[in-house]
Structures are given as C-alpha cells and as structure tokens.
Amino acid sequence: MREASKLISQFAMVGQLGLSLLMPLLICLFVCYLLCTKMSVGTWVYIPGFILGLGGSMTTAYKVYLSVIHREEKKKKEKNPNEVYFNKHM
C-alpha cells in the first residue's frame, strides 16, 4: 500500500512538472494570438512571446526541482531509529 502511494505521488510530480513546462508557453502564445487578432499587431510578436514563455517554463521547472530537492533533503535528515550509526552499535 505504501509503495502504491509513493508511486502515485511520483506520477503526480511528473504530471505537475509537465504542466509547469507547458502552461507558461501556451499562455504567452495565446496572448500573442490575442494581440495579433484583436489589436492587429504584426506576427513578429510571437518571437518575444515564445522567448518569454520558455523563460517562464524554465523558471517554473526550476522551482519545482528545488521543491523536490528540498523534500528529499528533509526526508534524509529524519533519522531512522533502527539505523545503526558509527557511535551507536546496539
């Protein structure tokens, strides 16, 4: 049961990372589409929109990465009472 819970949480983290990479890019491209259709701005606006979307995706992915690393370090710091250390032989 515990392994299934761990597996589900790992799948959720992969899904969150995928959405974190995809959504900022899609939002920026959608805003560029709105600018082109509603305000008659040239199609050149897609280039900075794409670059800003990639920047947002990288920033969000980096924050997700840092949260995962922080969580793993926190788990590592929790001591297991059954674990034998150098100074604790029995």
PDB file of N, CA and C in Angstrom:
ATOM      1  N   MET A   1       0.822  -1.195   0.000  1.00  0.00           N
ATOM      2  CA  MET A   1       0.000   0.000   0.000  1.00  0.00           C
ATOM      3  C   MET A   1       0.868   1.262   0.000  1.00  0.00           C
ATOM      4  N   ARG A   2       1.951   1.210   0.773  1.00  0.00           N
ATOM      5  CA  ARG A   2       2.841   2.363   0.858  1.00  0.00           C
ATOM      6  C   ARG A   2       3.558   2.599  -0.472  1.00  0.00           C
ATOM      7  N   GLU A   3       3.928   1.498  -1.155  1.00  0.00           N
ATOM      8  CA  GLU A   3       4.608   1.629  -2.440  1.00  0.00           C
ATOM      9  C   GLU A   3       3.674   2.233  -3.487  1.00  0.00           C
ATOM     10  N   ALA A   4       2.399   1.870  -3.426  1.00  0.00           N
ATOM     11  CA  ALA A   4       1.425   2.421  -4.378  1.00  0.00           C
ATOM     12  C   ALA A   4       1.238   3.927  -4.144  1.00  0.00           C
ATOM     13  N   SER A   5       1.216   4.311  -2.883  1.00  0.00           N
ATOM     14  CA  SER A   5       1.087   5.729  -2.563  1.00  0.00           C
ATOM     15  C   SER A   5       2.306   6.516  -3.049  1.00  0.00           C
ATOM     16  N   LYS A   6       3.484   5.938  -2.875  1.00  0.00           N
ATOM     17  CA  LYS A   6       4.711   6.583  -3.341  1.00  0.00           C
ATOM     18  C   LYS A   6       4.735   6.685  -4.860  1.00  0.00           C
ATOM     19  N   LEU A   7       4.272   5.645  -5.535  1.00  0.00           N
ATOM     20  CA  LEU A   7       4.229   5.645  -6.996  1.00  0.00           C
ATOM     21  C   LEU A   7       3.244   6.685  -7.522  1.00  0.00           C
ATOM     22  N   ILE A   8       2.100   6.796  -6.880  1.00  0.00           N
ATOM     23  CA  ILE A   8       1.096   7.786  -7.292  1.00  0.00           C
ATOM     24  C   ILE A   8       1.629   9.198  -7.086  1.00  0.00           C
ATOM     25  N   SER A   9       2.332   9.426  -5.977  1.00  0.00           N
ATOM     26  CA  SER A   9       2.885  10.762  -5.744  1.00  0.00           C
ATOM     27  C   SER A   9       3.974  11.086  -6.757  1.00  0.00           C
ATOM     28  N   GLN A  10       4.742  10.102  -7.185  1.00  0.00           N
ATOM     29  CA  GLN A  10       5.773  10.338  -8.207  1.00  0.00           C
ATOM     30  C   GLN A  10       5.131  10.642  -9.559  1.00  0.00           C
ATOM     31  N   PHE A  11       4.061   9.947  -9.914  1.00  0.00           N
ATOM     32  CA  PHE A  11       3.339  10.253 -11.157  1.00  0.00           C
ATOM     33  C   PHE A  11       2.731  11.653 -11.106  1.00  0.00           C
ATOM     34  N   ALA A  12       2.225  12.029  -9.935  1.00  0.00           N
ATOM     35  CA  ALA A  12       1.669  13.372  -9.789  1.00  0.00           C
ATOM     36  C   ALA A  12       2.752  14.423  -9.962  1.00  0.00           C
ATOM     37  N   MET A  13       3.946  14.159  -9.455  1.00  0.00           N
ATOM     38  CA  MET A  13       5.048  15.113  -9.594  1.00  0.00           C
ATOM     39  C   MET A  13       5.475  15.237 -11.054  1.00  0.00           C
ATOM     40  N   VAL A  14       5.493  14.136 -11.781  1.00  0.00           N
ATOM     41  CA  VAL A  14       5.832  14.187 -13.209  1.00  0.00           C
ATOM     42  C   VAL A  14       4.764  14.961 -13.975  1.00  0.00           C
ATOM     43  N   GLY A  15       3.510  14.749 -13.634  1.00  0.00           N
ATOM     44  CA  GLY A  15       2.427  15.499 -14.276  1.00  0.00           C
ATOM     45  C   GLY A  15       2.506  16.976 -13.972  1.00  0.00           C
ATOM     46  N   GLN A  16       2.829  17.307 -12.739  1.00  0.00           N
ATOM     47  CA  GLN A  16       2.961  18.719 -12.360  1.00  0.00           C
ATOM     48  C   GLN A  16       4.123  19.357 -13.105  1.00  0.00           C
ATOM     49  N   LEU A  17       5.223  18.639 -13.240  1.00  0.00           N
ATOM     50  CA  LEU A  17       6.370  19.171 -13.967  1.00  0.00           C
ATOM     51  C   LEU A  17       6.033  19.383 -15.439  1.00  0.00           C
ATOM     52  N   GLY A  18       5.290  18.453 -16.028  1.00  0.00           N
ATOM     53  CA  GLY A  18       4.879  18.612 -17.423  1.00  0.00           C
ATOM     54  C   GLY A  18       3.992  19.821 -17.629  1.00  0.00           C
ATOM     55  N   LEU A  19       3.030  20.004 -16.741  1.00  0.00           N
ATOM     56  CA  LEU A  19       2.165  21.182 -16.839  1.00  0.00           C
ATOM     57  C   LEU A  19       2.944  22.464 -16.568  1.00  0.00           C
ATOM     58  N   SER A  20       3.908  22.393 -15.661  1.00  0.00           N
ATOM     59  CA  SER A  20       4.721  23.565 -15.360  1.00  0.00           C
ATOM     60  C   SER A  20       5.567  23.978 -16.556  1.00  0.00           C
ATOM     61  N   LEU A  21       5.973  23.033 -17.349  1.00  0.00           N
ATOM     62  CA  LEU A  21       6.754  23.351 -18.546  1.00  0.00           C
ATOM     63  C   LEU A  21       5.876  23.847 -19.684  1.00  0.00           C
ATOM     64  N   LEU A  22       4.677  23.341 -19.786  1.00  0.00           N
ATOM     65  CA  LEU A  22       3.834  23.613 -20.940  1.00  0.00           C
ATOM     66  C   LEU A  22       2.974  24.873 -20.800  1.00  0.00           C
ATOM     67  N   MET A  23       2.401  25.100 -19.632  1.00  0.00           N
ATOM     68  CA  MET A  23       1.417  26.168 -19.489  1.00  0.00           C
ATOM     69  C   MET A  23       1.955  27.586 -19.693  1.00  0.00           C
ATOM     70  N   PRO A  24       3.118  27.968 -19.154  1.00  0.00           N
ATOM     71  CA  PRO A  24       3.573  29.342 -19.418  1.00  0.00           C
ATOM     72  C   PRO A  24       3.788  29.622 -20.906  1.00  0.00           C
ATOM     73  N   LEU A  25       4.292  28.643 -21.626  1.00  0.00           N
ATOM     74  CA  LEU A  25       4.493  28.809 -23.064  1.00  0.00           C
ATOM     75  C   LEU A  25       3.161  28.961 -23.788  1.00  0.00           C
ATOM     76  N   LEU A  26       2.188  28.128 -23.440  1.00  0.00           N
ATOM     77  CA  LEU A  26       0.879  28.225 -24.083  1.00  0.00           C
ATOM     78  C   LEU A  26       0.174  29.541 -23.754  1.00  0.00           C
ATOM     79  N   ILE A  27       0.306  29.992 -22.524  1.00  0.00           N
ATOM     80  CA  ILE A  27      -0.331  31.260 -22.142  1.00  0.00           C
ATOM     81  C   ILE A  27       0.287  32.421 -22.911  1.00  0.00           C
ATOM     82  N   CYS A  28       1.612  32.443 -23.015  1.00  0.00           N
ATOM     83  CA  CYS A  28       2.273  33.527 -23.760  1.00  0.00           C
ATOM     84  C   CYS A  28       1.889  33.490 -25.237  1.00  0.00           C
ATOM     85  N   LEU A  29       1.828  32.309 -25.814  1.00  0.00           N
ATOM     86  CA  LEU A  29       1.439  32.220 -27.224  1.00  0.00           C
ATOM     87  C   LEU A  29      -0.021  32.615 -27.428  1.00  0.00           C
ATOM     88  N   PHE A  30      -0.885  32.313 -26.463  1.00  0.00           N
ATOM     89  CA  PHE A  30      -2.279  32.718 -26.557  1.00  0.00           C
ATOM     90  C   PHE A  30      -2.415  34.240 -26.473  1.00  0.00           C
ATOM     91  N   VAL A  31      -1.627  34.860 -25.596  1.00  0.00           N
ATOM     92  CA  VAL A  31      -1.640  36.319 -25.502  1.00  0.00           C
ATOM     93  C   VAL A  31      -1.138  36.929 -26.808  1.00  0.00           C
ATOM     94  N   CYS A  32      -0.134  36.325 -27.419  1.00  0.00           N
ATOM     95  CA  CYS A  32       0.355  36.808 -28.718  1.00  0.00           C
ATOM     96  C   CYS A  32      -0.724  36.677 -29.787  1.00  0.00           C
ATOM     97  N   TYR A  33      -1.462  35.574 -29.752  1.00  0.00           N
ATOM     98  CA  TYR A  33      -2.562  35.385 -30.703  1.00  0.00           C
ATOM     99  C   TYR A  33      -3.627  36.472 -30.521  1.00  0.00           C
ATOM    100  N   LEU A  34      -3.960  36.755 -29.257  1.00  0.00           N
ATOM    101  CA  LEU A  34      -4.946  37.810 -28.995  1.00  0.00           C
ATOM    102  C   LEU A  34      -4.444  39.167 -29.467  1.00  0.00           C
ATOM    103  N   LEU A  35      -3.166  39.449 -29.250  1.00  0.00           N
ATOM    104  CA  LEU A  35      -2.602  40.714 -29.709  1.00  0.00           C
ATOM    105  C   LEU A  35      -2.659  40.821 -31.229  1.00  0.00           C
ATOM    106  N   CYS A  36      -2.393  39.724 -31.913  1.00  0.00           N
ATOM    107  CA  CYS A  36      -2.395  39.755 -33.380  1.00  0.00           C
ATOM    108  C   CYS A  36      -3.809  39.897 -33.944  1.00  0.00           C
ATOM    109  N   THR A  37      -4.782  39.221 -33.341  1.00  0.00           N
ATOM    110  CA  THR A  37      -6.136  39.254 -33.902  1.00  0.00           C
ATOM    111  C   THR A  37      -6.930  40.481 -33.467  1.00  0.00           C
ATOM    112  N   LYS A  38      -6.830  40.867 -32.202  1.00  0.00           N
ATOM    113  CA  LYS A  38      -7.656  41.964 -31.696  1.00  0.00           C
ATOM    114  C   LYS A  38      -7.046  43.340 -31.940  1.00  0.00           C
ATOM    115  N   MET A  39      -5.722  43.434 -31.853  1.00  0.00           N
ATOM    116  CA  MET A  39      -5.083  44.737 -31.937  1.00  0.00           C
ATOM    117  C   MET A  39      -4.279  44.917 -33.231  1.00  0.00           C
ATOM    118  N   SER A  40      -4.334  43.947 -34.104  1.00  0.00           N
ATOM    119  CA  SER A  40      -3.652  43.992 -35.402  1.00  0.00           C
ATOM    120  C   SER A  40      -2.155  44.275 -35.284  1.00  0.00           C
ATOM    121  N   VAL A  41      -1.542  43.652 -34.286  1.00  0.00           N
ATOM    122  CA  VAL A  41      -0.085  43.751 -34.141  1.00  0.00           C
ATOM    123  C   VAL A  41       0.516  42.732 -35.105  1.00  0.00           C
ATOM    124  N   GLY A  42       1.699  42.994 -35.594  1.00  0.00           N
ATOM    125  CA  GLY A  42       2.345  42.085 -36.538  1.00  0.00           C
ATOM    126  C   GLY A  42       2.670  40.737 -35.914  1.00  0.00           C
ATOM    127  N   THR A  43       2.945  39.790 -36.779  1.00  0.00           N
ATOM    128  CA  THR A  43       3.235  38.442 -36.285  1.00  0.00           C
ATOM    129  C   THR A  43       4.613  38.347 -35.630  1.00  0.00           C
ATOM    130  N   TRP A  44       5.390  39.424 -35.690  1.00  0.00           N
ATOM    131  CA  TRP A  44       6.690  39.440 -35.031  1.00  0.00           C
ATOM    132  C   TRP A  44       6.565  39.275 -33.518  1.00  0.00           C
ATOM    133  N   VAL A  45       5.380  39.552 -32.970  1.00  0.00           N
ATOM    134  CA  VAL A  45       5.175  39.486 -31.528  1.00  0.00           C
ATOM    135  C   VAL A  45       5.250  38.037 -31.012  1.00  0.00           C
ATOM    136  N   TYR A  46       5.120  37.061 -31.901  1.00  0.00           N
ATOM    137  CA  TYR A  46       5.237  35.668 -31.489  1.00  0.00           C
ATOM    138  C   TYR A  46       6.653  35.327 -31.031  1.00  0.00           C
ATOM    139  N   ILE A  47       7.658  35.978 -31.600  1.00  0.00           N
ATOM    140  CA  ILE A  47       9.049  35.667 -31.233  1.00  0.00           C
ATOM    141  C   ILE A  47       9.337  36.042 -29.778  1.00  0.00           C
ATOM    142  N   PRO A  48       9.079  37.293 -29.355  1.00  0.00           N
ATOM    143  CA  PRO A  48       9.305  37.579 -27.927  1.00  0.00           C
ATOM    144  C   PRO A  48       8.355  36.807 -27.013  1.00  0.00           C
ATOM    145  N   GLY A  49       7.146  36.537 -27.489  1.00  0.00           N
ATOM    146  CA  GLY A  49       6.210  35.747 -26.685  1.00  0.00           C
ATOM    147  C   GLY A  49       6.718  34.337 -26.454  1.00  0.00           C
ATOM    148  N   PHE A  50       7.301  33.753 -27.496  1.00  0.00           N
ATOM    149  CA  PHE A  50       7.864  32.404 -27.370  1.00  0.00           C
ATOM    150  C   PHE A  50       9.043  32.410 -26.400  1.00  0.00           C
ATOM    151  N   ILE A  51       9.904  33.423 -26.506  1.00  0.00           N
ATOM    152  CA  ILE A  51      11.067  33.507 -25.623  1.00  0.00           C
ATOM    153  C   ILE A  51      10.629  33.722 -24.173  1.00  0.00           C
ATOM    154  N   LEU A  52       9.652  34.604 -23.961  1.00  0.00           N
ATOM    155  CA  LEU A  52       9.150  34.818 -22.603  1.00  0.00           C
ATOM    156  C   LEU A  52       8.471  33.565 -22.051  1.00  0.00           C
ATOM    157  N   GLY A  53       7.760  32.835 -22.909  1.00  0.00           N
ATOM    158  CA  GLY A  53       7.129  31.596 -22.477  1.00  0.00           C
ATOM    159  C   GLY A  53       8.141  30.545 -22.070  1.00  0.00           C
ATOM    160  N   LEU A  54       9.232  30.443 -22.830  1.00  0.00           N
ATOM    161  CA  LEU A  54      10.288  29.494 -22.463  1.00  0.00           C
ATOM    162  C   LEU A  54      10.959  29.901 -21.156  1.00  0.00           C
ATOM    163  N   GLY A  55      11.157  31.211 -20.981  1.00  0.00           N
ATOM    164  CA  GLY A  55      11.742  31.682 -19.723  1.00  0.00           C
ATOM    165  C   GLY A  55      10.857  31.368 -18.529  1.00  0.00           C
ATOM    166  N   GLY A  56       9.562  31.569 -18.696  1.00  0.00           N
ATOM    167  CA  GLY A  56       8.626  31.231 -17.624  1.00  0.00           C
ATOM    168  C   GLY A  56       8.596  29.741 -17.341  1.00  0.00           C
ATOM    169  N   SER A  57       8.673  28.941 -18.396  1.00  0.00           N
ATOM    170  CA  SER A  57       8.692  27.484 -18.224  1.00  0.00           C
ATOM    171  C   SER A  57       9.937  27.035 -17.468  1.00  0.00           C
ATOM    172  N   MET A  58      11.085  27.613 -17.832  1.00  0.00           N
ATOM    173  CA  MET A  58      12.321  27.231 -17.149  1.00  0.00           C
ATOM    174  C   MET A  58      12.310  27.663 -15.688  1.00  0.00           C
ATOM    175  N   THR A  59      11.785  28.838 -15.418  1.00  0.00           N
ATOM    176  CA  THR A  59      11.715  29.316 -14.039  1.00  0.00           C
ATOM    177  C   THR A  59      10.810  28.424 -13.196  1.00  0.00           C
ATOM    178  N   THR A  60       9.667  28.081 -13.740  1.00  0.00           N
ATOM    179  CA  THR A  60       8.731  27.233 -13.004  1.00  0.00           C
ATOM    180  C   THR A  60       9.292  25.835 -12.800  1.00  0.00           C
ATOM    181  N   ALA A  61       9.934  25.282 -13.823  1.00  0.00           N
ATOM    182  CA  ALA A  61      10.537  23.955 -13.689  1.00  0.00           C
ATOM    183  C   ALA A  61      11.655  23.967 -12.655  1.00  0.00           C
ATOM    184  N   TYR A  62      12.426  25.043 -12.612  1.00  0.00           N
ATOM    185  CA  TYR A  62      13.497  25.150 -11.627  1.00  0.00           C
ATOM    186  C   TYR A  62      12.928  25.206 -10.210  1.00  0.00           C
ATOM    187  N   LYS A  63      11.824  25.909 -10.030  1.00  0.00           N
ATOM    188  CA  LYS A  63      11.202  25.978  -8.712  1.00  0.00           C
ATOM    189  C   LYS A  63      10.645  24.616  -8.287  1.00  0.00           C
ATOM    190  N   VAL A  64      10.073  23.878  -9.220  1.00  0.00           N
ATOM    191  CA  VAL A  64       9.591  22.528  -8.912  1.00  0.00           C
ATOM    192  C   VAL A  64      10.772  21.634  -8.544  1.00  0.00           C
ATOM    193  N   TYR A  65      11.868  21.758  -9.283  1.00  0.00           N
ATOM    194  CA  TYR A  65      13.075  20.981  -8.989  1.00  0.00           C
ATOM    195  C   TYR A  65      13.594  21.285  -7.587  1.00  0.00           C
ATOM    196  N   LEU A  66      13.646  22.572  -7.222  1.00  0.00           N
ATOM    197  CA  LEU A  66      14.117  22.942  -5.890  1.00  0.00           C
ATOM    198  C   LEU A  66      13.207  22.399  -4.796  1.00  0.00           C
ATOM    199  N   SER A  67      11.902  22.392  -5.035  1.00  0.00           N
ATOM    200  CA  SER A  67      10.994  21.860  -4.015  1.00  0.00           C
ATOM    201  C   SER A  67      11.176  20.355  -3.842  1.00  0.00           C
ATOM    202  N   VAL A  68      11.433  19.645  -4.935  1.00  0.00           N
ATOM    203  CA  VAL A  68      11.672  18.197  -4.838  1.00  0.00           C
ATOM    204  C   VAL A  68      12.976  17.925  -4.094  1.00  0.00           C
ATOM    205  N   ILE A  69      14.018  18.680  -4.413  1.00  0.00           N
ATOM    206  CA  ILE A  69      15.301  18.501  -3.726  1.00  0.00           C
ATOM    207  C   ILE A  69      15.153  18.821  -2.238  1.00  0.00           C
ATOM    208  N   HIS A  70      14.421  19.882  -1.919  1.00  0.00           N
ATOM    209  CA  HIS A  70      14.204  20.250  -0.513  1.00  0.00           C
ATOM    210  C   HIS A  70      13.456  19.141   0.225  1.00  0.00           C
ATOM    211  N   ARG A  71      12.457  18.565  -0.426  1.00  0.00           N
ATOM    212  CA  ARG A  71      11.688  17.484   0.198  1.00  0.00           C
ATOM    213  C   ARG A  71      12.565  16.256   0.433  1.00  0.00           C
ATOM    214  N   GLU A  72      13.428  15.923  -0.530  1.00  0.00           N
ATOM    215  CA  GLU A  72      14.308  14.769  -0.372  1.00  0.00           C
ATOM    216  C   GLU A  72      15.333  14.998   0.741  1.00  0.00           C
ATOM    217  N   GLU A  73      15.869  16.205   0.844  1.00  0.00           N
ATOM    218  CA  GLU A  73      16.812  16.505   1.926  1.00  0.00           C
ATOM    219  C   GLU A  73      16.125  16.436   3.276  1.00  0.00           C
ATOM    220  N   LYS A  74      14.879  16.858   3.332  1.00  0.00           N
ATOM    221  CA  LYS A  74      14.128  16.802   4.580  1.00  0.00           C
ATOM    222  C   LYS A  74      13.897  15.353   5.002  1.00  0.00           C
ATOM    223  N   LYS A  75      13.589  14.496   4.024  1.00  0.00           N
ATOM    224  CA  LYS A  75      13.410  13.073   4.336  1.00  0.00           C
ATOM    225  C   LYS A  75      14.721  12.448   4.780  1.00  0.00           C
ATOM    226  N   LYS A  76      15.820  12.879   4.176  1.00  0.00           N
ATOM    227  CA  LYS A  76      17.121  12.316   4.514  1.00  0.00           C
ATOM    228  C   LYS A  76      17.537  12.692   5.926  1.00  0.00           C
ATOM    229  N   LYS A  77      17.146  13.886   6.382  1.00  0.00           N
ATOM    230  CA  LYS A  77      17.527  14.352   7.707  1.00  0.00           C
ATOM    231  C   LYS A  77      16.772  13.628   8.816  1.00  0.00           C
ATOM    232  N   GLU A  78      15.591  13.109   8.494  1.00  0.00           N
ATOM    233  CA  GLU A  78      14.833  12.366   9.500  1.00  0.00           C
ATOM    234  C   GLU A  78      15.573  11.065   9.796  1.00  0.00           C
ATOM    235  N   LYS A  79      15.869  10.842  11.060  1.00  0.00           N
ATOM    236  CA  LYS A  79      16.645   9.668  11.438  1.00  0.00           C
ATOM    237  C   LYS A  79      15.731   8.463  11.623  1.00  0.00           C
ATOM    238  N   ASN A  80      16.216   7.339  11.169  1.00  0.00           N
ATOM    239  CA  ASN A  80      15.524   6.074  11.345  1.00  0.00           C
ATOM    240  C   ASN A  80      16.007   5.457  12.659  1.00  0.00           C
ATOM    241  N   PRO A  81      15.100   5.103  13.578  1.00  0.00           N
ATOM    242  CA  PRO A  81      15.541   4.562  14.875  1.00  0.00           C
ATOM    243  C   PRO A  81      16.228   3.198  14.748  1.00  0.00           C
ATOM    244  N   ASN A  82      15.982   2.453  13.692  1.00  0.00           N
ATOM    245  CA  ASN A  82      16.593   1.139  13.513  1.00  0.00           C
ATOM    246  C   ASN A  82      17.939   1.204  12.799  1.00  0.00           C
ATOM    247  N   GLU A  83      18.311   2.374  12.307  1.00  0.00           N
ATOM    248  CA  GLU A  83      19.559   2.515  11.574  1.00  0.00           C
ATOM    249  C   GLU A  83      20.727   2.553  12.553  1.00  0.00           C
ATOM    250  N   VAL A  84      21.804   1.856  12.217  1.00  0.00           N
ATOM    251  CA  VAL A  84      22.983   1.779  13.074  1.00  0.00           C
ATOM    252  C   VAL A  84      23.991   2.807  12.597  1.00  0.00           C
ATOM    253  N   TYR A  85      24.427   3.661  13.503  1.00  0.00           N
ATOM    254  CA  TYR A  85      25.417   4.674  13.202  1.00  0.00           C
ATOM    255  C   TYR A  85      26.757   4.256  13.752  1.00  0.00           C
ATOM    256  N   PHE A  86      27.803   5.004  13.452  1.00  0.00           N
ATOM    257  CA  PHE A  86      29.147   4.659  13.878  1.00  0.00           C
ATOM    258  C   PHE A  86      29.251   4.597  15.389  1.00  0.00           C
ATOM    259  N   ASN A  87      28.687   5.535  16.097  1.00  0.00           N
ATOM    260  CA  ASN A  87      28.789   5.584  17.550  1.00  0.00           C
ATOM    261  C   ASN A  87      27.666   4.824  18.238  1.00  0.00           C
ATOM    262  N   LYS A  88      26.720   4.299  17.515  1.00  0.00           N
ATOM    263  CA  LYS A  88      25.596   3.590  18.099  1.00  0.00           C
ATOM    264  C   LYS A  88      25.630   2.150  17.579  1.00  0.00           C
ATOM    265  N   HIS A  89      26.202   1.269  18.368  1.00  0.00           N
ATOM    266  CA  HIS A  89      26.385  -0.116  17.926  1.00  0.00           C
ATOM    267  C   HIS A  89      25.241  -1.027  18.330  1.00  0.00           C
ATOM    268  N   MET A  90      24.506  -0.686  19.328  1.00  0.00           N
ATOM    269  CA  MET A  90      23.438  -1.561  19.794  1.00  0.00           C
ATOM    270  C   MET A  90      22.136  -0.824  19.879  1.00  0.00           C
TER     271      MET A  90
END
